[in-house]
Amino acid sequence: MTKSKKIIYAIATNIILFVALEGLSRLLIQKPPETKFRPVEFVANDFKNPIPGFQDEEILWRIPPGTPVTEGRGEVANNLGFRGPDVSAEKPKDTIRIVCIGGTSTYGRGLGISYTFSRRLQSWLGKYMRPKWEVINLGLPNATSFQALRIYQTIASKLDPDYVIVYIGTWHDFTPAIEFDDENALEQIRLSRSVRRGITARRLRFYQWFTWILNKPAPSRVGEYLNNWSVYTQRADGPRVSASKFKKYLIEIANETHAAGVKTLFVTPPVKDNARIRFTDSEIYTGIINNVAADHGIPVVNARALLDNSKMDESDLFNNDLQPSGIGHSMIAEAIAATLQETGAVPSIHVSAAEYFRVETQSLFTMRDKAEYYVGNPPAQASAAEAIKWDPEAISLPSPGIFAFRNVRIAERTSLQFDPSYYTRKDFTKEGAATRPVRTETSVHFIFEIRVGDDNAPGGILYDESLSGDDAGIWRIAGKRTVDLSPFAGKTVTLVFRTEGNSFRASWGKPLLFTFAN
């Protein structure tokens, strides 16, 4: 038998065996139940406030373009699925691009986009610099250093950046993993989806059973994770990114940016004292950032020391234990700008970064001696302390209610920031021996006004919004709101916070006055 005939014979034999195997499978084995591809469980805000994203084979998850961004009214994710205006793949002529890569803090969760360090940096560079500068925010909520590397490789590198700012390692890298660390989780996603794509093979019975066994969903381990996370001592599956891999990913970013001629800047993430004491990994990962930067000649913006050495209260610098407030972001932007000037990336100009970014803030709670509080309609009065007895960080009052701050001097370029939210009513009905809550339609009307001159006269309403819901016994959070007070610069006014409606309790958050020097 010739060689060619042997090859044909071998192929024919295999085809016959394959067809026989499939025929026997269909005769003896029923079709397995339909299954979706195996889900990969991720740690995202402890599963209490997941991002509006979907699994992605390049960066683990991605926010769909056009998705509403809750941090800003009317804001949606851009064409790349990140915050900010749409980005063109081709860099505009005579433009220097800065790309900011990181997690929740880079993204600016909980902040209006104008308060993020990337936007503040863009504002400064755009106002004083030539040629044109473009600052692109590629921050992804809950992202790790592994995802930052993937974002650079698959997205940022294709935008022809001149500078890359890497702000990572705050929290999510050493968050406990569930079954897989980030690198292996990505492989699981790719494996699951490659199995799903077998269009022709999916018709084969033995292949159907093979994929069903492979993809049969395992019981969820979210409950186990939540139970263990509260004590932070049990990590059956290790962290999402180990310290050794964290170093590896930072080195890869450093090497790839260097090879592409892209200048890089690392930011050491600031963390509140109590979180730093409880989660000692923060110090380990920050040390790795500094070591990798030193080994590769990368400038470091020490945002951690910057906020540590500030004379301001931590409650003004952070929105929570880990994420900087608008003030913290402004300080970080100033430090990045100053570093760019010191390294010669940005020429010295008549307005320094420090002068531009200097910002003062005053918590209205330091002005309690100027405040008057009313329950219901005036003049039924109570003390200022009564207004905040439910929450020392917020004006929290029954609705309807009024809280007024008198004799407040408004400086140039001043804005007011607050966080409206409300607690739904708890109405109960008795059914036999049981007492059960009733789902009651609840509404609250938030009104902020400013009064000049006669304090009893109606003032100009600067903010007016109604919220409603029907879930009994929960807090509904609207998100940060900002009002520009610049039209009242130089005047002494009364700031009036009013609520109306039938909510059980309403909160304005912790109102802050921001005064920018520029």
Protein backbone atom coordinates (compact mmCIF):
# COMPACT_ATOMS: atom_id res chain seq x y z
CA MET A 1 0.00 0.00 0.00
CA THR A 2 1.35 3.36 -0.98
CA LYS A 3 2.03 6.08 1.57
CA SER A 4 -0.79 8.27 0.27
CA LYS A 5 -3.26 5.38 0.49
CA LYS A 6 -2.18 4.73 4.09
CA ILE A 7 -2.89 8.37 4.99
CA ILE A 8 -6.31 8.24 3.32
CA TYR A 9 -7.08 4.98 5.07
CA ALA A 10 -6.10 6.42 8.48
CA ILE A 11 -8.23 9.51 7.98
CA ALA A 12 -11.23 7.45 6.83
CA THR A 13 -10.87 5.11 9.81
CA ASN A 14 -10.83 8.04 12.26
CA ILE A 15 -13.89 9.60 10.64
CA ILE A 16 -15.79 6.29 10.86
CA LEU A 17 -14.83 5.87 14.54
CA PHE A 18 -15.82 9.48 15.25
CA VAL A 19 -19.22 9.06 13.58
CA ALA A 20 -19.76 5.74 15.38
CA LEU A 21 -18.90 7.32 18.73
CA GLU A 22 -21.33 10.19 18.14
CA GLY A 23 -24.06 7.79 16.97
CA LEU A 24 -23.61 5.59 20.02
CA SER A 25 -23.64 8.66 22.28
CA ARG A 26 -26.92 9.85 20.81
CA LEU A 27 -28.43 6.34 21.14
CA LEU A 28 -27.42 5.72 24.74
CA ILE A 29 -27.00 9.17 26.33
CA GLN A 30 -29.60 11.89 26.71
CA LYS A 31 -28.76 15.49 25.99
CA PRO A 32 -27.39 17.21 29.13
CA PRO A 33 -29.30 20.12 30.67
CA GLU A 34 -28.60 23.57 29.25
CA THR A 35 -26.01 25.53 31.25
CA LYS A 36 -24.56 28.96 30.99
CA PHE A 37 -20.79 29.26 30.96
CA ARG A 38 -19.30 28.99 34.39
CA PRO A 39 -19.50 32.30 36.22
CA VAL A 40 -16.37 33.72 37.81
CA GLU A 41 -17.05 35.37 41.14
CA PHE A 42 -15.23 38.63 41.79
CA VAL A 43 -14.77 40.71 44.90
CA ALA A 44 -16.42 44.01 44.06
CA ASN A 45 -17.37 46.30 46.94
CA ASP A 46 -18.14 43.24 49.03
CA PHE A 47 -20.96 42.46 46.58
CA LYS A 48 -23.08 45.22 48.10
CA ASN A 49 -22.66 47.81 45.35
CA PRO A 50 -21.37 46.11 42.20
CA ILE A 51 -20.23 48.14 39.23
CA PRO A 52 -22.55 48.24 36.20
CA GLY A 53 -20.15 46.14 34.15
CA PHE A 54 -19.79 42.83 32.39
CA GLN A 55 -17.10 40.16 32.23
CA ASP A 56 -14.39 40.90 29.70
CA GLU A 57 -11.72 38.65 28.21
CA GLU A 58 -9.10 41.40 28.28
CA ILE A 59 -9.45 43.23 31.62
CA LEU A 60 -11.80 40.99 33.68
CA TRP A 61 -14.71 43.43 33.54
CA ARG A 62 -15.66 46.52 31.62
CA ILE A 63 -18.30 49.25 31.86
CA PRO A 64 -20.38 49.44 28.66
CA PRO A 65 -20.10 52.80 26.82
CA GLY A 66 -23.14 54.96 27.46
CA THR A 67 -23.79 53.45 30.92
CA PRO A 68 -25.02 56.15 33.36
CA VAL A 69 -22.36 57.18 35.87
CA THR A 70 -24.03 57.64 39.26
CA GLU A 71 -21.35 60.08 40.42
CA GLY A 72 -22.64 62.80 38.13
CA ARG A 73 -26.15 63.66 36.93
CA GLY A 74 -26.38 63.13 33.19
CA GLU A 75 -22.84 61.67 32.96
CA VAL A 76 -22.38 58.43 31.02
CA ALA A 77 -19.35 56.25 30.32
CA ASN A 78 -17.47 57.39 27.23
CA ASN A 79 -16.76 55.43 24.04
CA LEU A 80 -14.02 53.45 25.82
CA GLY A 81 -16.20 52.63 28.84
CA PHE A 82 -14.47 55.05 31.24
CA ARG A 83 -15.20 58.50 32.67
CA GLY A 84 -14.71 61.68 30.73
CA PRO A 85 -15.36 62.83 27.15
CA ASP A 86 -15.03 60.46 24.22
CA VAL A 87 -11.44 59.68 23.26
CA SER A 88 -10.16 59.43 19.69
CA ALA A 89 -7.83 56.53 18.94
CA GLU A 90 -5.60 58.88 16.96
CA LYS A 91 -3.91 61.54 19.06
CA PRO A 92 -4.76 65.04 17.82
CA LYS A 93 -1.95 67.00 16.21
CA ASP A 94 0.30 69.02 18.57
CA THR A 95 -1.19 67.27 21.62
CA ILE A 96 0.56 65.70 24.60
CA ARG A 97 -1.42 62.87 26.14
CA ILE A 98 -1.43 61.81 29.79
CA VAL A 99 -3.23 58.55 30.57
CA CYS A 100 -4.23 57.84 34.19
CA ILE A 101 -4.53 54.14 35.05
CA GLY A 102 -5.86 52.76 38.31
CA GLY A 103 -8.83 51.60 40.32
CA THR A 104 -11.68 53.19 42.22
CA SER A 105 -9.75 56.26 43.38
CA THR A 106 -8.48 57.05 39.89
CA TYR A 107 -12.01 56.59 38.56
CA GLY A 108 -13.24 58.97 41.28
CA ARG A 109 -16.10 56.95 42.66
CA GLY A 110 -18.43 59.10 44.72
CA LEU A 111 -17.13 62.33 43.17
CA GLY A 112 -18.36 64.57 40.40
CA ILE A 113 -15.91 64.30 37.53
CA SER A 114 -14.73 67.90 37.98
CA TYR A 115 -13.29 66.93 41.39
CA THR A 116 -11.16 64.01 40.16
CA PHE A 117 -7.40 64.53 40.03
CA SER A 118 -7.33 63.78 36.30
CA ARG A 119 -9.84 66.52 35.53
CA ARG A 120 -8.11 68.99 37.86
CA LEU A 121 -4.84 68.23 36.12
CA GLN A 122 -6.49 68.71 32.73
CA SER A 123 -7.90 72.05 33.87
CA TRP A 124 -4.47 73.33 34.95
CA LEU A 125 -2.62 72.11 31.87
CA GLY A 126 -5.35 73.33 29.55
CA LYS A 127 -5.37 76.79 31.05
CA TYR A 128 -1.66 77.53 31.17
CA MET A 129 0.16 75.12 28.89
CA ARG A 130 1.12 75.01 25.24
CA PRO A 131 1.01 72.80 23.24
CA LYS A 132 -2.32 71.21 23.94
CA TRP A 133 -2.46 68.62 26.72
CA GLU A 134 -5.06 65.88 27.05
CA VAL A 135 -5.58 63.94 30.29
CA ILE A 136 -7.49 60.66 29.88
CA ASN A 137 -8.99 58.85 32.88
CA LEU A 138 -8.78 55.06 32.47
CA GLY A 139 -9.61 54.33 36.10
CA LEU A 140 -11.83 51.25 36.58
CA PRO A 141 -13.76 50.73 39.83
CA ASN A 142 -12.38 47.89 41.96
CA ALA A 143 -9.43 47.30 39.62
CA THR A 144 -6.12 45.75 40.66
CA SER A 145 -2.56 46.10 39.37
CA PHE A 146 -3.21 43.11 37.09
CA GLN A 147 -6.11 44.95 35.50
CA ALA A 148 -4.05 48.15 35.31
CA LEU A 149 -1.43 46.23 33.33
CA ARG A 150 -4.09 44.78 31.02
CA ILE A 151 -5.67 48.23 30.56
CA TYR A 152 -2.29 49.60 29.53
CA GLN A 153 -1.58 46.73 27.16
CA THR A 154 -4.99 46.58 25.48
CA ILE A 155 -6.23 50.19 25.62
CA ALA A 156 -3.77 52.83 26.82
CA SER A 157 -0.84 51.74 24.65
CA LYS A 158 -3.03 52.13 21.55
CA LEU A 159 -3.78 55.78 22.41
CA ASP A 160 -0.16 56.84 21.81
CA PRO A 161 0.34 58.31 25.32
CA ASP A 162 3.29 60.50 26.24
CA TYR A 163 2.85 59.95 29.99
CA VAL A 164 1.20 57.24 32.07
CA ILE A 165 0.20 57.91 35.68
CA VAL A 166 -0.27 54.68 37.67
CA TYR A 167 -2.32 55.00 40.88
CA ILE A 168 -2.87 51.46 42.19
CA GLY A 169 -2.44 49.34 45.32
CA THR A 170 -4.90 51.06 47.64
CA TRP A 171 -7.05 48.09 48.50
CA HIS A 172 -8.27 45.74 45.81
CA ASP A 173 -4.93 44.01 45.17
CA PHE A 174 -4.82 42.45 48.63
CA THR A 175 -8.57 41.90 48.88
CA PRO A 176 -9.25 38.17 49.36
CA ALA A 177 -9.88 36.26 46.16
CA ILE A 178 -12.68 33.80 45.62
CA GLU A 179 -11.32 30.55 44.18
CA PHE A 180 -9.09 32.32 41.62
CA ASP A 181 -6.71 35.24 41.78
CA ASP A 182 -7.18 37.85 39.05
CA GLU A 183 -4.77 36.32 36.58
CA ASN A 184 -6.35 32.88 36.83
CA ALA A 185 -9.87 34.35 36.85
CA LEU A 186 -9.16 35.89 33.46
CA GLU A 187 -8.05 32.50 32.17
CA GLN A 188 -11.30 30.98 33.44
CA ILE A 189 -13.32 33.57 31.55
CA ARG A 190 -11.39 32.88 28.37
CA LEU A 191 -11.76 29.12 28.79
CA SER A 192 -15.50 29.37 29.42
CA ARG A 193 -16.09 31.58 26.43
CA SER A 194 -13.91 29.53 24.10
CA VAL A 195 -16.04 26.50 25.00
CA ARG A 196 -19.20 28.45 24.19
CA ARG A 197 -17.87 29.43 20.79
CA GLY A 198 -17.69 25.85 19.49
CA ILE A 199 -20.63 26.33 17.10
CA THR A 200 -20.25 23.06 15.15
CA ALA A 201 -18.86 21.05 18.05
CA ARG A 202 -21.80 22.05 20.28
CA ARG A 203 -24.02 19.81 18.15
CA LEU A 204 -22.05 16.71 19.13
CA ARG A 205 -23.53 14.75 22.06
CA PHE A 206 -20.28 13.62 23.65
CA TYR A 207 -18.94 17.20 23.34
CA GLN A 208 -22.11 18.52 24.99
CA TRP A 209 -21.52 16.29 27.99
CA PHE A 210 -17.87 17.22 28.14
CA THR A 211 -18.66 20.95 28.21
CA TRP A 212 -21.52 20.44 30.68
CA ILE A 213 -19.16 18.73 33.12
CA LEU A 214 -16.57 21.46 32.60
CA ASN A 215 -19.04 24.31 32.97
CA LYS A 216 -21.33 22.95 35.67
CA PRO A 217 -21.61 25.92 38.04
CA ALA A 218 -20.04 25.42 41.42
CA PRO A 219 -21.91 26.59 44.53
CA SER A 220 -21.39 30.26 45.18
CA ARG A 221 -18.75 31.11 47.79
CA VAL A 222 -19.82 34.71 48.26
CA GLY A 223 -21.38 33.96 51.65
CA GLU A 224 -18.17 32.32 52.84
CA TYR A 225 -16.17 35.29 51.64
CA LEU A 226 -18.39 37.81 53.42
CA ASN A 227 -18.26 35.85 56.69
CA ASN A 228 -14.48 35.63 56.62
CA TRP A 229 -13.79 39.13 55.33
CA SER A 230 -15.16 40.82 58.46
CA VAL A 231 -12.22 39.48 60.47
CA TYR A 232 -9.78 39.67 57.57
CA THR A 233 -7.70 36.76 58.83
CA GLN A 234 -8.94 33.95 56.60
CA ARG A 235 -7.89 33.85 52.97
CA ALA A 236 -8.48 30.34 51.73
CA ASP A 237 -7.78 31.41 48.15
CA GLY A 238 -5.19 34.09 48.84
CA PRO A 239 -5.42 37.72 47.74
CA ARG A 240 -6.62 38.86 44.33
CA VAL A 241 -3.02 39.87 43.60
CA SER A 242 -0.19 38.54 45.79
CA ALA A 243 2.68 40.83 46.76
CA SER A 244 5.03 39.01 44.39
CA LYS A 245 2.61 39.33 41.48
CA PHE A 246 1.95 42.97 42.38
CA LYS A 247 5.67 43.63 41.95
CA LYS A 248 5.72 41.61 38.73
CA TYR A 249 2.86 43.63 37.20
CA LEU A 250 4.39 46.98 38.15
CA ILE A 251 7.70 45.91 36.60
CA GLU A 252 5.88 44.87 33.43
CA ILE A 253 4.21 48.29 33.25
CA ALA A 254 7.58 49.98 33.82
CA ASN A 255 9.32 47.89 31.16
CA GLU A 256 6.58 48.22 28.55
CA THR A 257 6.19 51.98 28.95
CA HIS A 258 9.97 52.43 28.84
CA ALA A 259 10.24 50.33 25.68
CA ALA A 260 7.53 52.44 24.06
CA GLY A 261 9.23 55.71 25.06
CA VAL A 262 6.37 56.60 27.41
CA LYS A 263 7.25 58.48 30.62
CA THR A 264 5.74 56.94 33.73
CA LEU A 265 4.71 58.30 37.11
CA PHE A 266 3.71 56.19 40.13
CA VAL A 267 1.39 57.44 42.88
CA THR A 268 1.54 55.93 46.37
CA PRO A 269 -2.09 55.72 47.49
CA PRO A 270 -3.17 57.54 50.65
CA VAL A 271 -5.12 55.60 53.27
CA LYS A 272 -6.78 56.66 56.51
CA ASP A 273 -4.89 55.82 59.69
CA ASN A 274 -7.44 53.34 61.04
CA ALA A 275 -7.54 51.39 57.76
CA ARG A 276 -3.74 51.33 57.61
CA ILE A 277 -3.54 49.88 61.11
CA ARG A 278 -6.14 47.21 60.41
CA PHE A 279 -4.94 46.26 56.94
CA THR A 280 -1.16 46.14 57.19
CA ASP A 281 -0.87 44.91 53.59
CA SER A 282 -1.20 48.54 52.61
CA GLU A 283 2.31 49.28 53.87
CA ILE A 284 3.75 46.21 52.09
CA TYR A 285 2.27 47.11 48.72
CA THR A 286 3.26 50.76 49.06
CA GLY A 287 6.82 49.65 49.77
CA ILE A 288 6.77 47.62 46.55
CA ILE A 289 5.65 50.69 44.58
CA ASN A 290 8.59 52.70 45.95
CA ASN A 291 11.10 49.89 45.32
CA VAL A 292 10.01 49.28 41.72
CA ALA A 293 10.05 53.01 41.03
CA ALA A 294 13.58 53.34 42.44
CA ASP A 295 14.85 50.37 40.42
CA HIS A 296 13.43 51.75 37.17
CA GLY A 297 14.06 55.46 37.67
CA ILE A 298 10.34 56.30 37.83
CA PRO A 299 9.27 59.46 39.74
CA VAL A 300 6.89 58.83 42.63
CA VAL A 301 4.15 61.16 43.79
CA ASN A 302 3.92 60.42 47.50
CA ALA A 303 0.22 61.13 47.92
CA ARG A 304 0.25 59.09 51.10
CA ALA A 305 2.75 61.41 52.81
CA LEU A 306 1.07 64.45 51.27
CA LEU A 307 -2.26 63.76 52.96
CA ASP A 308 -0.58 62.42 56.11
CA ASN A 309 1.30 65.69 56.59
CA SER A 310 -1.72 67.86 55.86
CA LYS A 311 -3.09 69.81 58.77
CA MET A 312 -6.62 69.01 57.65
CA ASP A 313 -8.89 66.52 59.34
CA GLU A 314 -9.02 63.07 57.73
CA SER A 315 -12.79 63.33 57.39
CA ASP A 316 -12.23 66.23 55.00
CA LEU A 317 -9.52 64.44 53.01
CA PHE A 318 -11.32 61.11 52.50
CA ASN A 319 -14.81 60.04 51.48
CA ASN A 320 -14.24 56.75 53.29
CA ASP A 321 -11.25 54.87 54.71
CA LEU A 322 -9.55 54.60 51.33
CA GLN A 323 -10.87 56.98 48.70
CA PRO A 324 -9.78 60.64 48.73
CA SER A 325 -12.42 63.35 48.77
CA GLY A 326 -12.54 66.19 46.28
CA ILE A 327 -10.02 68.02 48.44
CA GLY A 328 -7.73 64.99 48.51
CA HIS A 329 -7.95 64.69 44.72
CA SER A 330 -7.06 68.36 44.32
CA MET A 331 -4.00 67.88 46.51
CA ILE A 332 -2.95 64.81 44.52
CA ALA A 333 -3.39 66.74 41.26
CA GLU A 334 -1.22 69.53 42.65
CA ALA A 335 1.51 67.03 43.61
CA ILE A 336 1.41 65.39 40.16
CA ALA A 337 1.59 68.79 38.47
CA ALA A 338 4.49 69.85 40.67
CA THR A 339 6.34 66.60 39.87
CA LEU A 340 5.81 67.19 36.16
CA GLN A 341 7.35 70.63 36.59
CA GLU A 342 10.25 69.37 38.70
CA THR A 343 11.13 66.67 36.15
CA GLY A 344 11.03 69.19 33.31
CA ALA A 345 8.05 67.55 31.62
CA VAL A 346 6.11 70.77 32.04
CA PRO A 347 7.90 74.10 31.68
CA SER A 348 7.99 76.53 34.59
CA ILE A 349 5.28 79.14 34.27
CA HIS A 350 4.20 82.21 36.12
CA VAL A 351 1.42 80.27 37.90
CA SER A 352 2.84 77.33 39.83
CA ALA A 353 0.94 74.14 40.50
CA ALA A 354 0.76 75.02 44.19
CA GLU A 355 -0.78 78.41 43.44
CA TYR A 356 -3.31 76.96 41.02
CA PHE A 357 -4.45 74.04 43.10
CA ARG A 358 -4.48 75.73 46.50
CA VAL A 359 -7.87 74.98 47.94
CA GLU A 360 -9.44 75.72 51.28
CA THR A 361 -12.42 73.94 52.70
CA GLN A 362 -14.65 74.53 55.65
CA SER A 363 -17.02 72.01 57.09
CA LEU A 364 -20.33 73.61 57.97
CA PHE A 365 -20.30 71.51 61.12
CA THR A 366 -17.55 73.73 62.48
CA MET A 367 -20.12 76.54 62.30
CA ARG A 368 -22.72 75.05 64.63
CA ASP A 369 -22.80 78.18 66.72
CA LYS A 370 -24.23 79.90 63.65
CA ALA A 371 -26.84 77.24 62.99
CA GLU A 372 -30.51 77.05 63.87
CA TYR A 373 -32.52 73.90 63.45
CA TYR A 374 -36.27 73.46 63.12
CA VAL A 375 -38.41 70.33 63.22
CA GLY A 376 -41.48 70.67 61.05
CA ASN A 377 -42.39 74.27 60.39
CA PRO A 378 -40.70 77.11 62.29
CA PRO A 379 -40.72 78.22 65.03
CA ALA A 380 -40.77 74.73 66.61
CA GLN A 381 -37.07 74.58 67.49
CA ALA A 382 -34.48 72.11 68.65
CA SER A 383 -30.75 72.29 69.19
CA ALA A 384 -28.16 71.89 66.46
CA ALA A 385 -26.96 68.76 68.25
CA GLU A 386 -30.43 67.26 67.79
CA ALA A 387 -30.08 67.58 64.04
CA ILE A 388 -27.05 65.35 63.88
CA LYS A 389 -27.72 62.92 66.72
CA TRP A 390 -28.32 60.07 64.25
CA ASP A 391 -25.11 60.56 62.38
CA PRO A 392 -22.15 62.71 63.57
CA GLU A 393 -20.97 63.05 59.96
CA ALA A 394 -24.18 64.43 58.50
CA ILE A 395 -27.09 66.83 58.82
CA SER A 396 -29.74 64.20 59.39
CA LEU A 397 -33.18 65.46 60.28
CA PRO A 398 -36.84 64.48 60.21
CA SER A 399 -38.80 65.57 57.17
CA PRO A 400 -40.11 68.22 56.95
CA GLY A 401 -37.24 70.12 58.53
CA ILE A 402 -34.93 73.09 58.15
CA PHE A 403 -31.30 73.64 59.06
CA ALA A 404 -29.92 77.15 58.58
CA PHE A 405 -26.34 78.48 58.84
CA ARG A 406 -26.25 82.24 59.43
CA ASN A 407 -23.59 84.87 58.77
CA VAL A 408 -21.54 82.81 56.33
CA ARG A 409 -19.03 84.83 54.32
CA ILE A 410 -18.73 83.62 50.72
CA ALA A 411 -15.25 83.92 49.22
CA GLU A 412 -14.33 84.10 45.55
CA ARG A 413 -14.74 80.87 43.53
CA THR A 414 -16.64 79.00 46.25
CA SER A 415 -18.77 75.92 45.78
CA LEU A 416 -20.88 73.88 48.17
CA GLN A 417 -20.87 70.08 48.18
CA PHE A 418 -23.43 67.86 49.94
CA ASP A 419 -24.84 64.31 49.77
CA PRO A 420 -28.65 64.10 49.83
CA SER A 421 -30.12 60.79 50.97
CA TYR A 422 -33.18 59.67 52.89
CA TYR A 423 -34.48 56.86 55.05
CA THR A 424 -37.83 55.39 54.03
CA ARG A 425 -40.70 55.33 56.48
CA LYS A 426 -41.31 52.41 58.78
CA ASP A 427 -45.08 51.98 58.90
CA PHE A 428 -46.35 48.84 60.61
CA THR A 429 -49.57 46.87 60.59
CA LYS A 430 -50.68 44.07 62.89
CA GLU A 431 -51.81 40.81 61.38
CA GLY A 432 -52.83 38.55 64.23
CA ALA A 433 -49.94 38.41 66.66
CA ALA A 434 -47.41 39.58 64.09
CA THR A 435 -46.34 43.12 63.36
CA ARG A 436 -45.10 43.59 59.82
CA PRO A 437 -43.71 46.59 57.97
CA VAL A 438 -45.84 48.01 55.18
CA ARG A 439 -44.27 49.02 51.85
CA THR A 440 -45.20 52.67 51.79
CA GLU A 441 -44.54 55.17 49.02
CA THR A 442 -42.02 57.60 50.47
CA SER A 443 -40.93 60.91 49.03
CA VAL A 444 -38.63 63.71 50.09
CA HIS A 445 -38.07 67.10 48.51
CA PHE A 446 -34.58 68.58 49.02
CA ILE A 447 -34.30 72.37 48.72
CA PHE A 448 -31.16 74.43 49.22
CA GLU A 449 -31.46 78.19 49.20
CA ILE A 450 -29.27 81.16 50.00
CA ARG A 451 -30.60 84.30 51.68
CA VAL A 452 -29.01 87.72 51.58
CA GLY A 453 -30.10 90.59 53.81
CA ASP A 454 -33.42 89.98 55.55
CA ASP A 455 -33.07 86.48 56.93
CA ASN A 456 -36.82 85.94 57.10
CA ALA A 457 -37.34 86.78 53.44
CA PRO A 458 -37.48 83.92 50.92
CA GLY A 459 -34.14 83.33 49.34
CA GLY A 460 -32.90 82.28 45.93
CA ILE A 461 -33.28 78.53 45.45
CA LEU A 462 -30.05 77.05 44.08
CA TYR A 463 -30.86 73.35 44.35
CA ASP A 464 -34.23 71.62 44.13
CA GLU A 465 -34.69 67.85 43.78
CA SER A 466 -37.31 65.27 44.72
CA LEU A 467 -36.60 61.61 45.46
CA SER A 468 -39.04 58.77 46.09
CA GLY A 469 -39.16 55.05 46.74
CA ASP A 470 -41.32 52.35 48.26
CA ASP A 471 -38.89 50.08 50.14
CA ALA A 472 -39.51 50.37 53.87
CA GLY A 473 -36.60 50.75 56.24
CA ILE A 474 -33.60 51.48 54.00
CA TRP A 475 -31.40 54.45 53.18
CA ARG A 476 -31.59 55.71 49.60
CA ILE A 477 -28.47 57.60 48.52
CA ALA A 478 -28.61 60.14 45.71
CA GLY A 479 -24.87 60.84 45.47
CA LYS A 480 -22.80 64.00 45.72
CA ARG A 481 -24.27 67.30 44.54
CA THR A 482 -22.37 70.55 43.95
CA VAL A 483 -23.69 74.13 43.85
CA ASP A 484 -21.67 77.11 42.65
CA LEU A 485 -21.78 80.00 45.14
CA SER A 486 -19.50 82.32 43.16
CA PRO A 487 -22.37 84.74 42.30
CA PHE A 488 -22.55 85.55 46.03
CA ALA A 489 -18.81 86.18 46.45
CA GLY A 490 -18.03 88.84 49.00
CA LYS A 491 -21.48 88.67 50.62
CA THR A 492 -22.52 87.45 54.06
CA VAL A 493 -25.44 85.08 53.64
CA THR A 494 -27.61 82.49 55.31
CA LEU A 495 -27.42 78.96 53.93
CA VAL A 496 -30.74 77.16 54.31
CA PHE A 497 -31.20 73.39 53.93
CA ARG A 498 -34.86 72.37 53.73
CA THR A 499 -36.62 69.03 53.33
CA GLU A 500 -40.28 68.33 52.70
CA GLY A 501 -42.22 65.11 52.24
CA ASN A 502 -43.00 62.00 54.24
CA SER A 503 -39.60 60.32 54.57
CA PHE A 504 -38.73 59.03 58.01
CA ARG A 505 -35.47 60.95 58.00
CA ALA A 506 -33.48 62.95 55.45
CA SER A 507 -29.75 63.70 55.29
CA TRP A 508 -27.71 66.35 53.51
CA GLY A 509 -24.50 64.47 54.22
CA LYS A 510 -21.57 66.52 55.49
CA PRO A 511 -21.83 69.86 53.65
CA LEU A 512 -18.47 71.38 52.70
CA LEU A 513 -17.54 74.77 51.31
CA PHE A 514 -14.70 74.64 48.77
CA THR A 515 -12.81 77.84 48.01
CA PHE A 516 -10.37 77.64 45.11
CA ALA A 517 -7.62 80.20 44.80
CA ASN A 518 -7.56 80.35 41.01
